Amino acid sequence: MALSPNPYLHATAARMLPLAVLAVSVAAVTGHAGLPTLGQVAPYAAGAYTTARLALAGTDLALLHLLAAAGAGALTAAVIGAVLVRHRPTVFLMLSLAAAELTAITAAQRRTVSGGTDGLAGIPAPRLLPGVPPLLADRTVLLYAAVVAIAATAAAIALLGGDRRTLLAAVRGNAARATASGHRVTTYLWAVHAGAGAVAGIGGALLIHTHRWITPADVGFTTAALALLAVVIGGAMSLPGAATGAIAVLTVRDVVAAPLPGHAPLLLGALFVTAVYLLPGGLTALPNRLSLRLHPRSAHGTGHPAPADEAGRSTVRSTL
């Protein structure tokens, strides 16, 4: 996309990347911690409004925006997570839905911070370094957003790597047994929720950097639902897959559905149903499933689905 001479394509692609980063955050909580969530829009909003206010106050360094947004997102997720992670999937999902709705309502009411329902517009473009021109060219913004999205995804992968991945797998499989074995399950889940909040905050900063405006609708239920849909489509256990799913969702909504006004929800619904029933485990599980069909006696020796597929199925069931 960055090699294309089409500025509209650059701008469209860049504006997909904030949702991709949010989807990575949702996948960390939904797939790895086993807690399907709609509430990551709260730290996403915290990061976005923190960035917007810094930019409007004259602080235009992109790195400062990202760091401040990550801190605001982590703090917001830590406060919300202190309540949410004490509950398990179904109750957690319902409480996270309440968090998503309250985020949009709060944003609409706090006019001094958010501009109310009219939102904030005319936000200055960020600069990479003092004295250099601001990020205004569509291709430059796309390259910058891509680098930030990749870095945020890599940070989230590091957060969930090593022994932490094994511990979360144990918690996800049987939280009661993990607790009985002496593991501090609630603390582990809270730490993941807070860390994922930092990633969501970075996504919020990227929203401001690529759009340069924000309204409460950008941080409400619709955005939360799209992020969770992206995780289901891309693969709950794969953070890059979740980001890919977000790009697929926005491509269907904003590009494929463009010639069919009013049909975007129908197309997204069809995409969701197709992903659930034909792609258990998401897009990232597709190569493994094709390999098992072509070589049923290899890999696992019995032709059974891979563990990632099973994790994807269980996440989809809990989401539904």
Protein backbone atom coordinates (compact mmCIF):
# COMPACT_ATOMS: atom_id res chain seq x y z
CA MET A 1 0.00 0.00 0.00
CA ALA A 2 2.80 2.42 0.84
CA LEU A 3 4.24 1.88 -2.67
CA SER A 4 0.98 2.93 -4.31
CA PRO A 5 0.80 6.51 -5.66
CA ASN A 6 -2.82 6.82 -4.51
CA PRO A 7 -3.06 9.23 -1.52
CA TYR A 8 -6.63 8.12 -0.75
CA LEU A 9 -5.45 4.52 -0.40
CA HIS A 10 -2.68 5.66 1.96
CA ALA A 11 -5.11 7.63 4.13
CA THR A 12 -7.65 4.79 4.19
CA ALA A 13 -5.03 2.21 5.17
CA ALA A 14 -3.57 4.47 7.88
CA ARG A 15 -7.00 4.96 9.43
CA MET A 16 -7.44 1.20 9.74
CA LEU A 17 -4.37 0.78 11.95
CA PRO A 18 -5.74 2.28 15.22
CA LEU A 19 -8.46 -0.39 15.26
CA ALA A 20 -5.81 -3.01 14.48
CA VAL A 21 -3.87 -1.98 17.61
CA LEU A 22 -7.09 -2.01 19.65
CA ALA A 23 -7.82 -5.52 18.33
CA VAL A 24 -4.37 -6.65 19.51
CA SER A 25 -5.27 -5.37 22.99
CA VAL A 26 -8.62 -7.18 22.89
CA ALA A 27 -6.94 -10.41 21.74
CA ALA A 28 -4.53 -10.29 24.69
CA VAL A 29 -7.47 -10.24 27.11
CA THR A 30 -9.92 -12.38 25.13
CA GLY A 31 -7.65 -15.04 23.70
CA HIS A 32 -4.75 -15.33 26.12
CA ALA A 33 -6.50 -14.45 29.37
CA GLY A 34 -9.73 -16.17 28.28
CA LEU A 35 -11.95 -13.16 29.12
CA PRO A 36 -13.96 -11.92 26.11
CA THR A 37 -14.14 -8.15 26.41
CA LEU A 38 -15.80 -5.11 24.95
CA GLY A 39 -14.26 -2.81 27.53
CA GLN A 40 -10.88 -2.09 25.92
CA VAL A 41 -12.40 1.00 24.34
CA ALA A 42 -12.08 2.64 27.79
CA PRO A 43 -8.24 2.71 27.78
CA TYR A 44 -8.42 3.36 24.03
CA ALA A 45 -10.48 6.49 24.75
CA ALA A 46 -8.14 7.51 27.57
CA GLY A 47 -5.16 7.34 25.23
CA ALA A 48 -7.00 9.19 22.47
CA TYR A 49 -8.22 12.08 24.61
CA THR A 50 -4.87 12.37 26.39
CA THR A 51 -3.16 12.69 23.02
CA ALA A 52 -5.74 15.14 21.68
CA ARG A 53 -5.44 17.41 24.71
CA LEU A 54 -1.63 17.35 24.63
CA ALA A 55 -1.67 18.25 20.92
CA LEU A 56 -4.17 21.07 21.42
CA ALA A 57 -2.06 22.39 24.30
CA GLY A 58 0.96 22.68 22.01
CA THR A 59 2.83 19.44 22.80
CA ASP A 60 3.25 17.89 19.38
CA LEU A 61 6.01 15.26 19.78
CA ALA A 62 4.65 11.90 18.68
CA LEU A 63 6.77 9.90 21.16
CA LEU A 64 5.48 11.93 24.10
CA HIS A 65 1.93 11.36 22.87
CA LEU A 66 2.48 7.61 22.66
CA LEU A 67 4.07 7.37 26.10
CA ALA A 68 1.38 9.50 27.73
CA ALA A 69 -1.37 7.54 25.96
CA ALA A 70 0.13 4.21 27.04
CA GLY A 71 0.27 5.43 30.64
CA ALA A 72 -3.31 6.71 30.55
CA GLY A 73 -4.51 3.48 28.97
CA ALA A 74 -2.69 1.31 31.50
CA LEU A 75 -4.04 3.33 34.42
CA THR A 76 -7.60 3.21 33.10
CA ALA A 77 -7.42 -0.53 32.44
CA ALA A 78 -5.88 -1.14 35.87
CA VAL A 79 -8.75 0.66 37.62
CA ILE A 80 -11.44 -1.08 35.56
CA GLY A 81 -9.64 -4.41 35.71
CA ALA A 82 -9.56 -4.36 39.51
CA VAL A 83 -13.31 -4.93 39.32
CA LEU A 84 -13.70 -6.93 36.13
CA VAL A 85 -11.03 -9.63 36.49
CA ARG A 86 -12.66 -10.99 39.63
CA HIS A 87 -15.40 -12.38 37.38
CA ARG A 88 -15.27 -15.06 34.72
CA PRO A 89 -16.19 -15.03 31.00
CA THR A 90 -19.94 -14.38 30.81
CA VAL A 91 -20.13 -11.90 33.70
CA PHE A 92 -16.87 -10.32 32.57
CA LEU A 93 -18.29 -9.78 29.07
CA MET A 94 -21.43 -8.13 30.42
CA LEU A 95 -19.46 -5.86 32.75
CA SER A 96 -17.10 -4.93 29.92
CA LEU A 97 -20.13 -4.01 27.81
CA ALA A 98 -21.18 -1.64 30.58
CA ALA A 99 -17.66 -0.18 30.59
CA ALA A 100 -17.87 0.41 26.83
CA GLU A 101 -21.24 2.16 27.10
CA LEU A 102 -20.11 4.28 30.04
CA THR A 103 -17.01 5.31 28.11
CA ALA A 104 -19.06 6.82 25.28
CA ILE A 105 -21.54 8.42 27.70
CA THR A 106 -18.76 9.97 29.77
CA ALA A 107 -17.03 11.27 26.66
CA ALA A 108 -20.26 12.88 25.47
CA GLN A 109 -20.85 14.59 28.81
CA ARG A 110 -17.32 15.85 29.56
CA ARG A 111 -17.41 18.72 27.10
CA THR A 112 -14.38 20.46 28.56
CA VAL A 113 -12.26 17.41 27.77
CA SER A 114 -13.95 15.78 24.78
CA GLY A 115 -15.87 18.61 23.14
CA GLY A 116 -19.12 16.78 23.87
CA THR A 117 -21.06 15.12 21.05
CA ASP A 118 -19.49 17.56 18.57
CA GLY A 119 -16.10 16.08 19.37
CA LEU A 120 -12.66 17.61 18.88
CA ALA A 121 -11.49 18.67 15.43
CA GLY A 122 -8.52 20.51 14.00
CA ILE A 123 -6.06 18.63 16.18
CA PRO A 124 -2.47 19.53 15.14
CA ALA A 125 -0.44 16.85 13.41
CA PRO A 126 2.40 15.31 15.45
CA ARG A 127 6.12 15.70 14.81
CA LEU A 128 8.69 12.93 15.07
CA LEU A 129 11.39 15.32 16.32
CA PRO A 130 11.48 18.97 17.38
CA GLY A 131 11.92 21.28 14.43
CA VAL A 132 11.02 18.75 11.73
CA PRO A 133 7.85 19.16 9.63
CA PRO A 134 4.65 17.64 11.08
CA LEU A 135 3.31 14.34 9.78
CA LEU A 136 0.87 15.53 7.12
CA ALA A 137 1.65 13.58 3.93
CA ASP A 138 -0.63 10.55 3.60
CA ARG A 139 2.20 8.14 2.73
CA THR A 140 4.32 9.36 5.65
CA VAL A 141 1.40 9.01 8.06
CA LEU A 142 0.79 5.46 6.80
CA LEU A 143 4.43 4.44 7.30
CA TYR A 144 4.50 6.02 10.77
CA ALA A 145 1.23 4.32 11.78
CA ALA A 146 2.47 0.97 10.47
CA VAL A 147 5.69 1.22 12.50
CA VAL A 148 3.75 2.12 15.67
CA ALA A 149 1.25 -0.71 15.11
CA ILE A 150 4.04 -3.26 14.60
CA ALA A 151 5.91 -2.01 17.67
CA ALA A 152 2.74 -2.16 19.82
CA THR A 153 2.01 -5.69 18.62
CA ALA A 154 5.59 -6.76 19.36
CA ALA A 155 5.33 -5.28 22.86
CA ALA A 156 2.09 -7.17 23.47
CA ILE A 157 3.67 -10.41 22.27
CA ALA A 158 6.56 -9.84 24.68
CA LEU A 159 4.07 -9.17 27.49
CA LEU A 160 2.46 -12.55 26.88
CA GLY A 161 5.63 -14.52 26.18
CA GLY A 162 7.68 -17.03 28.12
CA ASP A 163 6.40 -18.42 31.41
CA ARG A 164 3.51 -15.94 31.41
CA ARG A 165 2.04 -17.69 28.39
CA THR A 166 2.12 -21.02 30.20
CA LEU A 167 0.54 -19.56 33.34
CA LEU A 168 -2.23 -17.92 31.34
CA ALA A 169 -2.89 -21.19 29.52
CA ALA A 170 -3.34 -22.88 32.90
CA VAL A 171 -5.66 -20.11 34.10
CA ARG A 172 -7.63 -20.18 30.88
CA GLY A 173 -8.02 -23.95 31.04
CA ASN A 174 -9.07 -24.23 34.69
CA ALA A 175 -8.87 -21.12 36.86
CA ALA A 176 -10.03 -22.97 39.99
CA ARG A 177 -7.29 -25.59 39.65
CA ALA A 178 -4.67 -22.89 39.02
CA THR A 179 -5.81 -21.08 42.17
CA ALA A 180 -5.70 -24.30 44.17
CA SER A 181 -2.15 -24.86 42.90
CA GLY A 182 -1.07 -21.61 44.55
CA HIS A 183 -1.13 -19.28 41.55
CA ARG A 184 -2.39 -15.73 42.03
CA VAL A 185 -4.90 -15.95 39.21
CA THR A 186 -6.60 -12.61 39.80
CA THR A 187 -3.25 -10.82 39.92
CA TYR A 188 -2.11 -12.43 36.67
CA LEU A 189 -5.33 -11.46 34.90
CA TRP A 190 -5.21 -7.93 36.29
CA ALA A 191 -1.63 -7.48 35.07
CA VAL A 192 -2.57 -8.66 31.57
CA HIS A 193 -5.61 -6.37 31.57
CA ALA A 194 -3.47 -3.37 32.57
CA GLY A 195 -0.75 -4.21 30.04
CA ALA A 196 -3.36 -4.64 27.30
CA GLY A 197 -4.74 -1.27 28.36
CA ALA A 198 -1.37 0.34 27.60
CA VAL A 199 -1.53 -1.16 24.10
CA ALA A 200 -5.09 0.12 23.67
CA GLY A 201 -3.92 3.56 24.79
CA ILE A 202 -1.30 3.54 22.04
CA GLY A 203 -4.09 2.66 19.61
CA GLY A 204 -5.98 5.71 20.89
CA ALA A 205 -2.97 7.95 20.25
CA LEU A 206 -2.72 6.49 16.76
CA LEU A 207 -6.40 7.31 16.22
CA ILE A 208 -5.64 10.99 16.82
CA HIS A 209 -2.47 10.94 14.72
CA THR A 210 -4.21 9.39 11.70
CA HIS A 211 -7.65 11.03 11.93
CA ARG A 212 -6.90 14.31 13.79
CA TRP A 213 -10.41 14.41 15.14
CA ILE A 214 -12.43 12.37 17.61
CA THR A 215 -16.05 12.09 18.74
CA PRO A 216 -17.64 9.92 21.46
CA ALA A 217 -18.89 7.61 18.70
CA ASP A 218 -15.28 6.68 17.95
CA VAL A 219 -14.87 5.16 21.42
CA GLY A 220 -18.31 3.61 21.91
CA PHE A 221 -19.95 0.22 21.54
CA THR A 222 -19.62 0.07 17.75
CA THR A 223 -15.83 0.34 17.94
CA ALA A 224 -15.73 -2.21 20.77
CA ALA A 225 -17.85 -4.66 18.76
CA LEU A 226 -15.70 -4.22 15.65
CA ALA A 227 -12.55 -4.95 17.66
CA LEU A 228 -14.03 -8.12 19.16
CA LEU A 229 -15.28 -9.17 15.72
CA ALA A 230 -11.77 -8.65 14.37
CA VAL A 231 -10.37 -10.93 17.07
CA VAL A 232 -12.85 -13.70 16.22
CA ILE A 233 -12.07 -13.40 12.51
CA GLY A 234 -8.30 -13.07 12.81
CA GLY A 235 -7.78 -15.60 15.59
CA ALA A 236 -8.07 -15.01 19.31
CA MET A 237 -4.72 -16.65 20.09
CA SER A 238 -2.76 -14.66 17.52
CA LEU A 239 -2.07 -10.97 18.09
CA PRO A 240 -0.94 -10.34 14.50
CA GLY A 241 -4.02 -12.30 13.41
CA ALA A 242 -6.25 -9.96 15.42
CA ALA A 243 -4.66 -6.96 13.69
CA THR A 244 -5.20 -8.64 10.32
CA GLY A 245 -8.81 -9.33 11.27
CA ALA A 246 -9.31 -5.63 12.04
CA ILE A 247 -8.03 -4.66 8.61
CA ALA A 248 -10.34 -7.28 7.04
CA VAL A 249 -13.34 -5.94 8.97
CA LEU A 250 -12.70 -2.33 7.97
CA THR A 251 -12.00 -3.34 4.38
CA VAL A 252 -15.41 -5.01 4.21
CA ARG A 253 -17.16 -2.09 5.93
CA ASP A 254 -15.44 0.83 4.19
CA VAL A 255 -14.33 -0.55 0.83
CA VAL A 256 -16.39 -3.59 -0.17
CA ALA A 257 -19.64 -2.12 1.17
CA ALA A 258 -19.03 1.33 -0.34
CA PRO A 259 -21.01 0.57 -3.55
CA LEU A 260 -23.85 -0.89 -1.41
CA PRO A 261 -25.06 1.88 0.91
CA GLY A 262 -26.70 0.57 4.06
CA HIS A 263 -25.47 -3.00 3.55
CA ALA A 264 -22.27 -2.83 5.62
CA PRO A 265 -23.87 -4.48 8.72
CA LEU A 266 -25.19 -7.31 6.53
CA LEU A 267 -21.77 -7.91 5.00
CA LEU A 268 -20.08 -7.80 8.41
CA GLY A 269 -22.64 -10.26 9.76
CA ALA A 270 -21.95 -12.61 6.86
CA LEU A 271 -18.22 -12.29 7.51
CA PHE A 272 -18.73 -13.12 11.19
CA VAL A 273 -20.89 -16.19 10.49
CA THR A 274 -18.42 -17.41 7.88
CA ALA A 275 -15.49 -17.00 10.28
CA VAL A 276 -17.23 -18.80 13.14
CA TYR A 277 -18.46 -21.80 11.16
CA LEU A 278 -15.87 -22.18 8.43
CA LEU A 279 -12.73 -20.80 10.10
CA PRO A 280 -12.64 -21.96 13.71
CA GLY A 281 -9.48 -20.53 15.18
CA GLY A 282 -9.62 -17.59 12.76
CA LEU A 283 -7.61 -16.71 9.69
CA THR A 284 -4.32 -17.58 11.39
CA ALA A 285 -5.45 -21.18 11.91
CA LEU A 286 -6.26 -21.62 8.22
CA PRO A 287 -2.75 -22.70 7.06
CA ASN A 288 -2.59 -25.35 9.78
CA ARG A 289 -6.07 -26.66 8.95
CA LEU A 290 -5.18 -26.87 5.26
CA SER A 291 -1.97 -28.70 6.15
CA LEU A 292 -3.89 -31.21 8.27
CA ARG A 293 -6.33 -31.83 5.42
CA LEU A 294 -3.51 -32.38 2.96
CA HIS A 295 -1.39 -34.43 5.39
CA PRO A 296 -3.79 -35.87 7.98
CA ARG A 297 -1.18 -38.25 9.43
CA SER A 298 1.48 -35.62 10.00
CA ALA A 299 1.79 -32.96 12.75
CA HIS A 300 -0.47 -34.52 15.40
CA GLY A 301 -0.55 -37.98 13.90
CA THR A 302 -4.31 -38.39 14.31
CA GLY A 303 -5.72 -35.65 12.15
CA HIS A 304 -7.23 -33.85 15.14
CA PRO A 305 -7.38 -30.05 15.10
CA ALA A 306 -4.42 -28.20 16.52
CA PRO A 307 -4.58 -26.80 20.05
CA ALA A 308 -4.78 -23.25 18.65
CA ASP A 309 -7.95 -24.24 16.80
CA GLU A 310 -9.47 -25.60 19.98
CA ALA A 311 -8.60 -22.39 21.83
CA GLY A 312 -10.18 -20.41 19.04
CA ARG A 313 -13.36 -22.47 19.24
CA SER A 314 -13.67 -22.03 22.99
CA THR A 315 -13.12 -18.28 22.69
CA VAL A 316 -15.80 -18.01 20.02
CA ARG A 317 -18.22 -20.02 22.16
CA SER A 318 -17.64 -17.74 25.14
CA THR A 319 -18.05 -14.67 22.92
CA LEU A 320 -21.32 -15.96 21.51
